[in-house]
Amino acid sequence: MPQFSNVAIFLLAALGYLIIPGPAVLYITSRSVAQGRRAGLASVLGIELASLTHVALAAFGLSALLLASPLLFDIVKYLGAAYLISLGVRTLLAREGSERESAAAEGSFSQFSTQGYLVNLLSPKSALFFYAFLPQFVDPAGAAVVVQVFLLGALFVVLACCTDSAYCLLGSTAGQLFTGSARFGIIKRYASGGVYIIIGLTAAMVGPH
């Protein structure tokens, strides 16, 4: 098991990582403002499931393949960037009251969760955190390194559920304050689409080191 001091330092570092708005937080907040609490919480669920996937890959050493291969890292990075940019473009091209926008607003919980999962799974920032940063807090002299990685990863996901849900609630509350305003609807659409595109472009510039 990891030493208590390592766990304490990791939790502080993880809390700082989570509080500072990153791609996942911006995505959750945008979803919550634009499509409400339900969409935001579904996005949180998908993002945390992707975090658990990253933890499993890191625990079994598969993450080393990603960091060791610049080509593989770039493929994952650009897939994630392309997915986010496509979400942004679709949001910008939607028209107020159109069938397309209505369908997006009334998307199922599973659809929002799946999108959140893909956003975080293909995020190079998340990959670097779980594959390069988290292992630094594992005690190599301790037993069951895999268990240590899973423990630290699970603690991170619990923290992330709390902080991401808080951002979701703040975003959905802000969105509700301006519900019914035609001008806010237009601003909301362009802001959400712009955020997705900015996150995608930022993800495309992340390197494996």
N, C-alpha and C. Protein backbone atom coordinates (compact mmCIF):
# COMPACT_ATOMS: atom_id res chain seq x y z
N MET A 1 0.84 -1.20 0.00
CA MET A 1 0.00 0.00 0.00
C MET A 1 0.88 1.26 0.00
N PRO A 2 0.43 2.34 -0.65
CA PRO A 2 1.23 3.57 -0.64
C PRO A 2 1.30 4.16 0.76
N GLN A 3 2.39 4.86 1.04
CA GLN A 3 2.55 5.48 2.34
C GLN A 3 1.50 6.58 2.53
N PHE A 4 1.14 6.80 3.78
CA PHE A 4 0.11 7.80 4.09
C PHE A 4 0.52 9.18 3.59
N SER A 5 1.80 9.51 3.74
CA SER A 5 2.29 10.82 3.29
C SER A 5 2.12 10.97 1.78
N ASN A 6 2.39 9.88 1.05
CA ASN A 6 2.22 9.92 -0.41
C ASN A 6 0.75 10.14 -0.78
N VAL A 7 -0.14 9.47 -0.06
CA VAL A 7 -1.57 9.60 -0.33
C VAL A 7 -2.04 11.03 -0.05
N ALA A 8 -1.58 11.59 1.07
CA ALA A 8 -1.97 12.95 1.44
C ALA A 8 -1.51 13.96 0.41
N ILE A 9 -0.25 13.84 -0.03
CA ILE A 9 0.28 14.77 -1.03
C ILE A 9 -0.46 14.59 -2.36
N PHE A 10 -0.74 13.34 -2.71
CA PHE A 10 -1.47 13.07 -3.95
C PHE A 10 -2.85 13.70 -3.92
N LEU A 11 -3.56 13.58 -2.80
CA LEU A 11 -4.90 14.15 -2.69
C LEU A 11 -4.87 15.67 -2.83
N LEU A 12 -3.86 16.31 -2.24
CA LEU A 12 -3.73 17.76 -2.37
C LEU A 12 -3.45 18.16 -3.82
N ALA A 13 -2.54 17.39 -4.46
CA ALA A 13 -2.22 17.68 -5.86
C ALA A 13 -3.43 17.44 -6.75
N ALA A 14 -4.16 16.35 -6.47
CA ALA A 14 -5.35 16.03 -7.27
C ALA A 14 -6.42 17.09 -7.10
N LEU A 15 -6.58 17.58 -5.87
CA LEU A 15 -7.59 18.61 -5.61
C LEU A 15 -7.25 19.90 -6.38
N GLY A 16 -5.97 20.26 -6.39
CA GLY A 16 -5.56 21.43 -7.16
C GLY A 16 -5.79 21.23 -8.65
N TYR A 17 -5.51 20.04 -9.14
CA TYR A 17 -5.74 19.71 -10.55
C TYR A 17 -7.21 19.82 -10.91
N LEU A 18 -8.09 19.39 -10.00
CA LEU A 18 -9.52 19.35 -10.27
C LEU A 18 -10.20 20.70 -10.12
N ILE A 19 -9.73 21.50 -9.16
CA ILE A 19 -10.37 22.80 -8.92
C ILE A 19 -10.09 23.77 -10.06
N ILE A 20 -8.85 23.74 -10.57
CA ILE A 20 -8.50 24.62 -11.69
C ILE A 20 -9.23 24.13 -12.93
N PRO A 21 -10.07 24.95 -13.54
CA PRO A 21 -10.85 24.51 -14.71
C PRO A 21 -9.96 24.01 -15.84
N GLY A 22 -10.18 22.76 -16.22
CA GLY A 22 -9.50 22.16 -17.35
C GLY A 22 -10.52 21.77 -18.40
N PRO A 23 -10.12 20.98 -19.39
CA PRO A 23 -11.04 20.56 -20.45
C PRO A 23 -12.31 19.89 -19.93
N ALA A 24 -12.17 18.99 -18.95
CA ALA A 24 -13.35 18.28 -18.44
C ALA A 24 -14.31 19.24 -17.74
N VAL A 25 -13.77 20.14 -16.93
CA VAL A 25 -14.61 21.11 -16.21
C VAL A 25 -15.31 22.05 -17.18
N LEU A 26 -14.59 22.54 -18.18
CA LEU A 26 -15.19 23.43 -19.17
C LEU A 26 -16.29 22.71 -19.95
N TYR A 27 -16.05 21.45 -20.27
CA TYR A 27 -17.04 20.67 -21.00
C TYR A 27 -18.30 20.48 -20.16
N ILE A 28 -18.11 20.09 -18.90
CA ILE A 28 -19.25 19.86 -17.99
C ILE A 28 -20.03 21.15 -17.78
N THR A 29 -19.32 22.24 -17.55
CA THR A 29 -19.99 23.52 -17.31
C THR A 29 -20.78 23.97 -18.54
N SER A 30 -20.18 23.81 -19.71
CA SER A 30 -20.87 24.21 -20.95
C SER A 30 -22.12 23.38 -21.16
N ARG A 31 -22.02 22.07 -20.93
CA ARG A 31 -23.19 21.20 -21.06
C ARG A 31 -24.27 21.61 -20.08
N SER A 32 -23.88 21.90 -18.86
CA SER A 32 -24.84 22.24 -17.81
C SER A 32 -25.55 23.56 -18.10
N VAL A 33 -24.79 24.55 -18.53
CA VAL A 33 -25.39 25.84 -18.86
C VAL A 33 -26.34 25.71 -20.04
N ALA A 34 -25.90 25.00 -21.07
CA ALA A 34 -26.67 24.92 -22.31
C ALA A 34 -27.85 23.97 -22.22
N GLN A 35 -27.68 22.83 -21.52
CA GLN A 35 -28.71 21.78 -21.58
C GLN A 35 -29.19 21.30 -20.21
N GLY A 36 -28.78 21.96 -19.16
CA GLY A 36 -29.35 21.67 -17.86
C GLY A 36 -28.58 20.69 -17.00
N ARG A 37 -29.10 20.52 -15.79
CA ARG A 37 -28.44 19.70 -14.77
C ARG A 37 -28.34 18.24 -15.19
N ARG A 38 -29.40 17.73 -15.81
CA ARG A 38 -29.41 16.32 -16.21
C ARG A 38 -28.27 16.02 -17.20
N ALA A 39 -28.11 16.88 -18.19
CA ALA A 39 -27.04 16.69 -19.16
C ALA A 39 -25.68 16.83 -18.49
N GLY A 40 -25.57 17.79 -17.55
CA GLY A 40 -24.30 17.98 -16.86
C GLY A 40 -23.91 16.79 -16.01
N LEU A 41 -24.87 16.26 -15.25
CA LEU A 41 -24.57 15.10 -14.40
C LEU A 41 -24.27 13.86 -15.24
N ALA A 42 -24.96 13.72 -16.37
CA ALA A 42 -24.66 12.60 -17.27
C ALA A 42 -23.23 12.73 -17.80
N SER A 43 -22.82 13.95 -18.10
CA SER A 43 -21.45 14.19 -18.57
C SER A 43 -20.44 13.86 -17.48
N VAL A 44 -20.75 14.22 -16.24
CA VAL A 44 -19.88 13.89 -15.10
C VAL A 44 -19.71 12.38 -15.01
N LEU A 45 -20.80 11.63 -15.12
CA LEU A 45 -20.73 10.18 -15.04
C LEU A 45 -19.82 9.63 -16.12
N GLY A 46 -20.00 10.10 -17.36
CA GLY A 46 -19.18 9.60 -18.45
C GLY A 46 -17.71 9.93 -18.26
N ILE A 47 -17.43 11.13 -17.80
CA ILE A 47 -16.04 11.55 -17.59
C ILE A 47 -15.37 10.72 -16.49
N GLU A 48 -16.11 10.44 -15.41
CA GLU A 48 -15.50 9.65 -14.32
C GLU A 48 -15.32 8.18 -14.73
N LEU A 49 -16.21 7.66 -15.56
CA LEU A 49 -16.03 6.29 -16.07
C LEU A 49 -14.79 6.23 -16.96
N ALA A 50 -14.55 7.28 -17.73
CA ALA A 50 -13.34 7.33 -18.54
C ALA A 50 -12.10 7.42 -17.65
N SER A 51 -12.21 8.15 -16.53
CA SER A 51 -11.09 8.22 -15.58
C SER A 51 -10.76 6.84 -15.03
N LEU A 52 -11.80 6.07 -14.71
CA LEU A 52 -11.58 4.71 -14.22
C LEU A 52 -10.92 3.84 -15.29
N THR A 53 -11.28 4.08 -16.55
CA THR A 53 -10.63 3.35 -17.65
C THR A 53 -9.16 3.70 -17.71
N HIS A 54 -8.83 4.98 -17.58
CA HIS A 54 -7.42 5.41 -17.56
C HIS A 54 -6.68 4.76 -16.39
N VAL A 55 -7.34 4.68 -15.24
CA VAL A 55 -6.72 4.07 -14.07
C VAL A 55 -6.39 2.60 -14.34
N ALA A 56 -7.33 1.89 -14.94
CA ALA A 56 -7.10 0.47 -15.25
C ALA A 56 -5.94 0.31 -16.23
N LEU A 57 -5.88 1.15 -17.25
CA LEU A 57 -4.79 1.07 -18.22
C LEU A 57 -3.45 1.37 -17.57
N ALA A 58 -3.44 2.37 -16.67
CA ALA A 58 -2.20 2.71 -15.97
C ALA A 58 -1.77 1.58 -15.03
N ALA A 59 -2.74 0.96 -14.36
CA ALA A 59 -2.43 -0.09 -13.39
C ALA A 59 -1.80 -1.30 -14.05
N PHE A 60 -2.24 -1.63 -15.25
CA PHE A 60 -1.73 -2.82 -15.92
C PHE A 60 -0.62 -2.52 -16.91
N GLY A 61 -0.11 -1.30 -16.87
CA GLY A 61 1.06 -0.97 -17.66
C GLY A 61 0.80 -0.67 -19.12
N LEU A 62 -0.45 -0.70 -19.54
CA LEU A 62 -0.74 -0.44 -20.95
C LEU A 62 -0.50 1.02 -21.31
N SER A 63 -0.51 1.87 -20.29
CA SER A 63 -0.27 3.30 -20.53
C SER A 63 1.13 3.56 -21.06
N ALA A 64 2.08 2.67 -20.69
CA ALA A 64 3.46 2.86 -21.14
C ALA A 64 3.55 2.83 -22.67
N LEU A 65 2.67 2.06 -23.30
CA LEU A 65 2.66 2.00 -24.76
C LEU A 65 2.30 3.35 -25.36
N LEU A 66 1.36 4.03 -24.72
CA LEU A 66 0.92 5.33 -25.23
C LEU A 66 2.03 6.36 -25.13
N LEU A 67 2.71 6.40 -23.97
CA LEU A 67 3.76 7.39 -23.77
C LEU A 67 5.02 7.06 -24.56
N ALA A 68 5.24 5.76 -24.82
CA ALA A 68 6.44 5.34 -25.54
C ALA A 68 6.31 5.54 -27.04
N SER A 69 5.09 5.68 -27.52
CA SER A 69 4.88 5.80 -28.97
C SER A 69 4.30 7.18 -29.30
N PRO A 70 5.12 8.08 -29.81
CA PRO A 70 4.61 9.40 -30.20
C PRO A 70 3.48 9.30 -31.23
N LEU A 71 3.58 8.32 -32.13
CA LEU A 71 2.55 8.15 -33.15
C LEU A 71 1.21 7.78 -32.51
N LEU A 72 1.23 6.82 -31.58
CA LEU A 72 0.00 6.40 -30.92
C LEU A 72 -0.57 7.54 -30.09
N PHE A 73 0.30 8.26 -29.41
CA PHE A 73 -0.15 9.41 -28.61
C PHE A 73 -0.82 10.45 -29.51
N ASP A 74 -0.21 10.72 -30.66
CA ASP A 74 -0.77 11.71 -31.58
C ASP A 74 -2.12 11.25 -32.13
N ILE A 75 -2.26 9.95 -32.40
CA ILE A 75 -3.53 9.44 -32.92
C ILE A 75 -4.65 9.68 -31.90
N VAL A 76 -4.37 9.34 -30.64
CA VAL A 76 -5.37 9.54 -29.58
C VAL A 76 -5.66 11.03 -29.41
N LYS A 77 -4.60 11.83 -29.43
CA LYS A 77 -4.74 13.28 -29.24
C LYS A 77 -5.60 13.90 -30.34
N TYR A 78 -5.32 13.57 -31.58
CA TYR A 78 -6.05 14.19 -32.69
C TYR A 78 -7.47 13.64 -32.82
N LEU A 79 -7.68 12.41 -32.44
CA LEU A 79 -9.04 11.88 -32.42
C LEU A 79 -9.89 12.66 -31.41
N GLY A 80 -9.32 12.88 -30.23
CA GLY A 80 -10.03 13.64 -29.20
C GLY A 80 -10.28 15.07 -29.64
N ALA A 81 -9.27 15.70 -30.25
CA ALA A 81 -9.42 17.08 -30.71
C ALA A 81 -10.48 17.18 -31.80
N ALA A 82 -10.46 16.23 -32.74
CA ALA A 82 -11.43 16.24 -33.84
C ALA A 82 -12.85 16.05 -33.31
N TYR A 83 -13.00 15.18 -32.30
CA TYR A 83 -14.33 14.93 -31.74
C TYR A 83 -14.88 16.19 -31.08
N LEU A 84 -14.06 16.87 -30.30
CA LEU A 84 -14.50 18.09 -29.62
C LEU A 84 -14.81 19.21 -30.62
N ILE A 85 -13.97 19.35 -31.62
CA ILE A 85 -14.20 20.39 -32.62
C ILE A 85 -15.49 20.11 -33.39
N SER A 86 -15.75 18.83 -33.68
CA SER A 86 -16.99 18.49 -34.39
C SER A 86 -18.21 18.82 -33.54
N LEU A 87 -18.12 18.58 -32.22
CA LEU A 87 -19.21 18.96 -31.32
C LEU A 87 -19.43 20.47 -31.36
N GLY A 88 -18.34 21.21 -31.35
CA GLY A 88 -18.44 22.65 -31.38
C GLY A 88 -19.06 23.16 -32.67
N VAL A 89 -18.63 22.61 -33.80
CA VAL A 89 -19.16 23.04 -35.09
C VAL A 89 -20.65 22.72 -35.20
N ARG A 90 -21.05 21.52 -34.74
CA ARG A 90 -22.47 21.15 -34.78
C ARG A 90 -23.30 22.09 -33.92
N THR A 91 -22.75 22.47 -32.77
CA THR A 91 -23.46 23.40 -31.88
C THR A 91 -23.62 24.77 -32.53
N LEU A 92 -22.55 25.25 -33.16
CA LEU A 92 -22.60 26.56 -33.80
C LEU A 92 -23.56 26.59 -34.99
N LEU A 93 -23.64 25.48 -35.71
CA LEU A 93 -24.47 25.44 -36.91
C LEU A 93 -25.94 25.19 -36.61
N ALA A 94 -26.23 24.75 -35.37
CA ALA A 94 -27.63 24.52 -35.00
C ALA A 94 -28.38 25.84 -35.00
N ARG A 95 -29.65 25.78 -35.32
CA ARG A 95 -30.47 26.98 -35.34
C ARG A 95 -31.49 26.93 -34.22
N GLU A 96 -31.75 28.08 -33.64
CA GLU A 96 -32.72 28.18 -32.54
C GLU A 96 -34.06 27.60 -33.00
N GLY A 97 -34.56 26.62 -32.25
CA GLY A 97 -35.86 26.03 -32.55
C GLY A 97 -35.82 24.97 -33.62
N SER A 98 -34.64 24.67 -34.16
CA SER A 98 -34.56 23.66 -35.21
C SER A 98 -34.71 22.28 -34.63
N GLU A 99 -35.04 21.32 -35.48
CA GLU A 99 -35.19 19.93 -35.02
C GLU A 99 -33.88 19.41 -34.48
N ARG A 100 -32.80 19.83 -35.10
CA ARG A 100 -31.49 19.35 -34.67
C ARG A 100 -31.18 19.82 -33.26
N GLU A 101 -31.42 21.09 -32.98
CA GLU A 101 -31.12 21.64 -31.65
C GLU A 101 -32.04 21.01 -30.61
N SER A 102 -33.31 20.81 -30.96
CA SER A 102 -34.26 20.21 -30.02
C SER A 102 -33.84 18.80 -29.67
N ALA A 103 -33.37 18.06 -30.67
CA ALA A 103 -32.93 16.69 -30.42
C ALA A 103 -31.72 16.68 -29.51
N ALA A 104 -30.81 17.67 -29.72
CA ALA A 104 -29.62 17.74 -28.86
C ALA A 104 -30.01 18.06 -27.44
N ALA A 105 -30.97 18.98 -27.26
CA ALA A 105 -31.38 19.39 -25.92
C ALA A 105 -32.09 18.27 -25.19
N GLU A 106 -32.76 17.39 -25.94
CA GLU A 106 -33.52 16.32 -25.32
C GLU A 106 -32.80 14.98 -25.42
N GLY A 107 -31.50 15.02 -25.60
CA GLY A 107 -30.73 13.80 -25.71
C GLY A 107 -30.88 12.95 -24.47
N SER A 108 -30.68 11.66 -24.64
CA SER A 108 -30.84 10.74 -23.53
C SER A 108 -29.66 10.84 -22.57
N PHE A 109 -29.89 10.38 -21.36
CA PHE A 109 -28.85 10.38 -20.33
C PHE A 109 -27.64 9.59 -20.83
N SER A 110 -27.89 8.45 -21.49
CA SER A 110 -26.80 7.60 -21.98
C SER A 110 -26.01 8.29 -23.08
N GLN A 111 -26.68 9.09 -23.91
CA GLN A 111 -25.97 9.82 -24.96
C GLN A 111 -25.02 10.85 -24.38
N PHE A 112 -25.50 11.60 -23.41
CA PHE A 112 -24.64 12.59 -22.77
C PHE A 112 -23.47 11.91 -22.04
N SER A 113 -23.75 10.77 -21.40
CA SER A 113 -22.69 10.04 -20.69
C SER A 113 -21.64 9.52 -21.66
N THR A 114 -22.11 9.00 -22.80
CA THR A 114 -21.18 8.48 -23.80
C THR A 114 -20.28 9.58 -24.35
N GLN A 115 -20.87 10.75 -24.61
CA GLN A 115 -20.07 11.86 -25.10
C GLN A 115 -19.04 12.31 -24.07
N GLY A 116 -19.45 12.38 -22.79
CA GLY A 116 -18.51 12.73 -21.74
C GLY A 116 -17.39 11.71 -21.63
N TYR A 117 -17.75 10.43 -21.78
CA TYR A 117 -16.76 9.35 -21.71
C TYR A 117 -15.72 9.52 -22.81
N LEU A 118 -16.16 9.76 -24.04
CA LEU A 118 -15.24 9.90 -25.16
C LEU A 118 -14.37 11.13 -25.01
N VAL A 119 -14.95 12.22 -24.53
CA VAL A 119 -14.18 13.46 -24.35
C VAL A 119 -13.01 13.23 -23.39
N ASN A 120 -13.25 12.55 -22.27
CA ASN A 120 -12.19 12.35 -21.29
C ASN A 120 -11.26 11.20 -21.67
N LEU A 121 -11.81 10.17 -22.31
CA LEU A 121 -10.96 9.05 -22.72
C LEU A 121 -9.92 9.48 -23.74
N LEU A 122 -10.31 10.39 -24.63
CA LEU A 122 -9.40 10.85 -25.69
C LEU A 122 -8.68 12.14 -25.33
N SER A 123 -8.76 12.53 -24.05
CA SER A 123 -8.10 13.75 -23.61
C SER A 123 -6.63 13.50 -23.30
N PRO A 124 -5.70 14.14 -24.00
CA PRO A 124 -4.28 13.92 -23.70
C PRO A 124 -3.91 14.42 -22.30
N LYS A 125 -4.61 15.46 -21.82
CA LYS A 125 -4.33 15.98 -20.47
C LYS A 125 -4.65 14.91 -19.42
N SER A 126 -5.77 14.23 -19.57
CA SER A 126 -6.13 13.17 -18.63
C SER A 126 -5.17 12.00 -18.75
N ALA A 127 -4.80 11.67 -19.99
CA ALA A 127 -3.87 10.56 -20.19
C ALA A 127 -2.54 10.82 -19.49
N LEU A 128 -2.02 12.04 -19.63
CA LEU A 128 -0.75 12.36 -19.00
C LEU A 128 -0.85 12.33 -17.48
N PHE A 129 -1.99 12.76 -16.94
CA PHE A 129 -2.16 12.75 -15.49
C PHE A 129 -2.10 11.33 -14.95
N PHE A 130 -2.85 10.42 -15.56
CA PHE A 130 -2.93 9.06 -15.04
C PHE A 130 -1.72 8.21 -15.41
N TYR A 131 -1.08 8.52 -16.53
CA TYR A 131 0.01 7.66 -16.98
C TYR A 131 1.38 8.15 -16.57
N ALA A 132 1.52 9.45 -16.31
CA ALA A 132 2.83 10.00 -15.96
C ALA A 132 2.87 10.59 -14.57
N PHE A 133 1.78 11.22 -14.13
CA PHE A 133 1.79 11.90 -12.83
C PHE A 133 1.41 10.96 -11.68
N LEU A 134 0.31 10.26 -11.80
CA LEU A 134 -0.17 9.39 -10.71
C LEU A 134 0.87 8.35 -10.28
N PRO A 135 1.56 7.66 -11.21
CA PRO A 135 2.53 6.65 -10.78
C PRO A 135 3.65 7.17 -9.90
N GLN A 136 3.90 8.48 -9.92
CA GLN A 136 4.96 9.04 -9.09
C GLN A 136 4.66 8.90 -7.59
N PHE A 137 3.40 8.67 -7.23
CA PHE A 137 3.01 8.55 -5.84
C PHE A 137 2.90 7.09 -5.39
N VAL A 138 3.25 6.17 -6.28
CA VAL A 138 3.24 4.75 -5.93
C VAL A 138 4.56 4.39 -5.30
N ASP A 139 4.53 3.61 -4.25
CA ASP A 139 5.74 3.14 -3.57
C ASP A 139 6.22 1.88 -4.27
N PRO A 140 7.31 1.96 -5.06
CA PRO A 140 7.78 0.79 -5.81
C PRO A 140 8.26 -0.33 -4.90
N ALA A 141 8.63 0.03 -3.66
CA ALA A 141 9.10 -1.00 -2.72
C ALA A 141 7.94 -1.69 -2.03
N GLY A 142 6.76 -1.11 -2.15
CA GLY A 142 5.59 -1.70 -1.51
C GLY A 142 5.02 -2.85 -2.32
N ALA A 143 4.17 -3.60 -1.69
CA ALA A 143 3.56 -4.74 -2.36
C ALA A 143 2.40 -4.28 -3.22
N ALA A 144 2.08 -5.10 -4.23
CA ALA A 144 0.89 -4.89 -5.06
C ALA A 144 0.82 -3.48 -5.64
N VAL A 145 1.73 -3.20 -6.57
CA VAL A 145 1.75 -1.89 -7.22
C VAL A 145 0.43 -1.62 -7.94
N VAL A 146 -0.13 -2.66 -8.53
CA VAL A 146 -1.42 -2.52 -9.24
C VAL A 146 -2.50 -2.03 -8.27
N VAL A 147 -2.50 -2.59 -7.07
CA VAL A 147 -3.50 -2.19 -6.07
C VAL A 147 -3.28 -0.74 -5.67
N GLN A 148 -2.02 -0.32 -5.54
CA GLN A 148 -1.74 1.07 -5.19
C GLN A 148 -2.28 2.03 -6.25
N VAL A 149 -2.07 1.69 -7.52
CA VAL A 149 -2.56 2.55 -8.60
C VAL A 149 -4.08 2.63 -8.57
N PHE A 150 -4.73 1.49 -8.36
CA PHE A 150 -6.19 1.47 -8.30
C PHE A 150 -6.70 2.29 -7.11
N LEU A 151 -6.02 2.19 -5.99
CA LEU A 151 -6.44 2.93 -4.80
C LEU A 151 -6.33 4.44 -5.04
N LEU A 152 -5.17 4.88 -5.54
CA LEU A 152 -5.00 6.31 -5.82
C LEU A 152 -5.98 6.79 -6.88
N GLY A 153 -6.19 5.95 -7.90
CA GLY A 153 -7.12 6.31 -8.95
C GLY A 153 -8.55 6.43 -8.43
N ALA A 154 -8.93 5.51 -7.55
CA ALA A 154 -10.28 5.54 -6.99
C ALA A 154 -10.47 6.79 -6.12
N LEU A 155 -9.46 7.15 -5.35
CA LEU A 155 -9.54 8.37 -4.54
C LEU A 155 -9.69 9.60 -5.43
N PHE A 156 -8.95 9.60 -6.53
CA PHE A 156 -9.05 10.72 -7.46
C PHE A 156 -10.47 10.83 -8.03
N VAL A 157 -11.05 9.70 -8.43
CA VAL A 157 -12.39 9.70 -9.03
C VAL A 157 -13.43 10.19 -8.02
N VAL A 158 -13.28 9.79 -6.77
CA VAL A 158 -14.22 10.25 -5.73
C VAL A 158 -14.14 11.78 -5.60
N LEU A 159 -12.91 12.31 -5.56
CA LEU A 159 -12.74 13.77 -5.50
C LEU A 159 -13.33 14.44 -6.74
N ALA A 160 -13.06 13.83 -7.89
CA ALA A 160 -13.53 14.41 -9.15
C ALA A 160 -15.05 14.43 -9.22
N CYS A 161 -15.70 13.40 -8.70
CA CYS A 161 -17.16 13.37 -8.68
C CYS A 161 -17.71 14.56 -7.90
N CYS A 162 -17.05 14.89 -6.80
CA CYS A 162 -17.51 16.01 -5.95
C CYS A 162 -17.29 17.35 -6.64
N THR A 163 -16.08 17.58 -7.13
CA THR A 163 -15.77 18.88 -7.73
C THR A 163 -16.50 19.07 -9.07
N ASP A 164 -16.55 18.03 -9.90
CA ASP A 164 -17.22 18.16 -11.20
C ASP A 164 -18.73 18.34 -11.02
N SER A 165 -19.31 17.66 -10.03
CA SER A 165 -20.74 17.83 -9.77
C SER A 165 -21.03 19.24 -9.29
N ALA A 166 -20.11 19.81 -8.52
CA ALA A 166 -20.29 21.19 -8.06
C ALA A 166 -20.29 22.16 -9.24
N TYR A 167 -19.37 21.95 -10.19
CA TYR A 167 -19.34 22.79 -11.38
C TYR A 167 -20.62 22.60 -12.20
N CYS A 168 -21.12 21.37 -12.25
CA CYS A 168 -22.36 21.07 -12.96
C CYS A 168 -23.53 21.86 -12.36
N LEU A 169 -23.63 21.83 -11.05
CA LEU A 169 -24.73 22.52 -10.37
C LEU A 169 -24.63 24.03 -10.57
N LEU A 170 -23.42 24.57 -10.51
CA LEU A 170 -23.24 26.00 -10.74
C LEU A 170 -23.63 26.37 -12.17
N GLY A 171 -23.21 25.54 -13.12
CA GLY A 171 -23.52 25.82 -14.51
C GLY A 171 -25.01 25.74 -14.81
N SER A 172 -25.67 24.70 -14.30
CA SER A 172 -27.09 24.55 -14.56
C SER A 172 -27.90 25.66 -13.89
N THR A 173 -27.46 26.09 -12.70
CA THR A 173 -28.15 27.19 -12.02
C THR A 173 -28.02 28.49 -12.81
N ALA A 174 -26.82 28.73 -13.34
CA ALA A 174 -26.61 29.93 -14.16
C ALA A 174 -27.48 29.88 -15.41
N GLY A 175 -27.59 28.70 -16.02
CA GLY A 175 -28.41 28.56 -17.20
C GLY A 175 -29.88 28.80 -16.93
N GLN A 176 -30.35 28.34 -15.78
CA GLN A 176 -31.76 28.49 -15.42
C GLN A 176 -32.13 29.96 -15.18
N LEU A 177 -31.18 30.75 -14.71
CA LEU A 177 -31.45 32.16 -14.42
C LEU A 177 -31.87 32.94 -15.67
N PHE A 178 -31.37 32.46 -16.82
CA PHE A 178 -31.64 33.20 -18.05
C PHE A 178 -32.54 32.43 -19.02
N THR A 179 -33.18 31.37 -18.52
CA THR A 179 -34.07 30.59 -19.36
C THR A 179 -35.21 31.48 -19.88
N GLY A 180 -35.48 31.34 -21.16
CA GLY A 180 -36.56 32.13 -21.76
C GLY A 180 -36.07 33.35 -22.50
N SER A 181 -34.81 33.70 -22.30
CA SER A 181 -34.26 34.86 -23.00
C SER A 181 -33.75 34.43 -24.37
N ALA A 182 -34.32 35.01 -25.43
CA ALA A 182 -33.91 34.66 -26.79
C ALA A 182 -32.45 35.03 -27.03
N ARG A 183 -32.05 36.21 -26.52
CA ARG A 183 -30.66 36.64 -26.71
C ARG A 183 -29.71 35.69 -25.99
N PHE A 184 -30.08 35.26 -24.77
CA PHE A 184 -29.21 34.34 -24.04
C PHE A 184 -29.10 33.01 -24.77
N GLY A 185 -30.19 32.58 -25.41
CA GLY A 185 -30.14 31.33 -26.16
C GLY A 185 -29.09 31.38 -27.26
N ILE A 186 -29.01 32.51 -27.94
CA ILE A 186 -28.01 32.66 -29.01
C ILE A 186 -26.60 32.71 -28.41
N ILE A 187 -26.45 33.50 -27.35
CA ILE A 187 -25.14 33.60 -26.69
C ILE A 187 -24.70 32.24 -26.17
N LYS A 188 -25.65 31.51 -25.58
CA LYS A 188 -25.36 30.19 -25.02
C LYS A 188 -24.86 29.24 -26.10
N ARG A 189 -25.52 29.27 -27.26
CA ARG A 189 -25.14 28.37 -28.34
C ARG A 189 -23.74 28.67 -28.84
N TYR A 190 -23.45 29.97 -29.07
CA TYR A 190 -22.13 30.33 -29.57
C TYR A 190 -21.04 30.12 -28.52
N ALA A 191 -21.36 30.39 -27.27
CA ALA A 191 -20.38 30.18 -26.20
C ALA A 191 -20.06 28.71 -26.03
N SER A 192 -21.09 27.85 -26.03
CA SER A 192 -20.87 26.41 -25.88
C SER A 192 -20.06 25.87 -27.04
N GLY A 193 -20.47 26.23 -28.26
CA GLY A 193 -19.73 25.76 -29.43
C GLY A 193 -18.30 26.24 -29.42
N GLY A 194 -18.10 27.50 -29.03
CA GLY A 194 -16.75 28.04 -28.97
C GLY A 194 -15.87 27.34 -27.95
N VAL A 195 -16.46 27.02 -26.80
CA VAL A 195 -15.71 26.32 -25.76
C VAL A 195 -15.26 24.95 -26.25
N TYR A 196 -16.16 24.21 -26.91
CA TYR A 196 -15.79 22.88 -27.41
C TYR A 196 -14.63 22.98 -28.41
N ILE A 197 -14.71 23.98 -29.30
CA ILE A 197 -13.66 24.13 -30.31
C ILE A 197 -12.34 24.53 -29.66
N ILE A 198 -12.39 25.44 -28.69
CA ILE A 198 -11.16 25.86 -28.00
C ILE A 198 -10.52 24.68 -27.26
N ILE A 199 -11.35 23.87 -26.59
CA ILE A 199 -10.81 22.70 -25.89
C ILE A 199 -10.16 21.75 -26.89
N GLY A 200 -10.82 21.56 -28.04
CA GLY A 200 -10.26 20.67 -29.06
C GLY A 200 -8.94 21.17 -29.60
N LEU A 201 -8.85 22.47 -29.89
CA LEU A 201 -7.61 23.03 -30.41
C LEU A 201 -6.50 22.96 -29.37
N THR A 202 -6.86 23.20 -28.11
CA THR A 202 -5.87 23.11 -27.04
C THR A 202 -5.36 21.67 -26.88
N ALA A 203 -6.28 20.71 -26.97
CA ALA A 203 -5.89 19.30 -26.87
C ALA A 203 -4.94 18.92 -27.99
N ALA A 204 -5.14 19.47 -29.17
CA ALA A 204 -4.29 19.13 -30.33
C ALA A 204 -2.86 19.60 -30.15
N MET A 205 -2.61 20.56 -29.26
CA MET A 205 -1.28 21.11 -29.06
C MET A 205 -0.52 20.46 -27.91
N VAL A 206 -1.18 19.53 -27.18
CA VAL A 206 -0.53 18.87 -26.05
C VAL A 206 0.46 17.83 -26.54
N GLY A 207 1.65 17.82 -25.94
CA GLY A 207 2.65 16.83 -26.29
C GLY A 207 2.77 15.75 -25.23
N PRO A 208 3.38 14.60 -25.56
CA PRO A 208 3.48 13.50 -24.59
C PRO A 208 4.37 13.79 -23.40
N HIS A 209 5.13 14.88 -23.42
CA HIS A 209 6.03 15.20 -22.31
C HIS A 209 5.70 16.55 -21.70
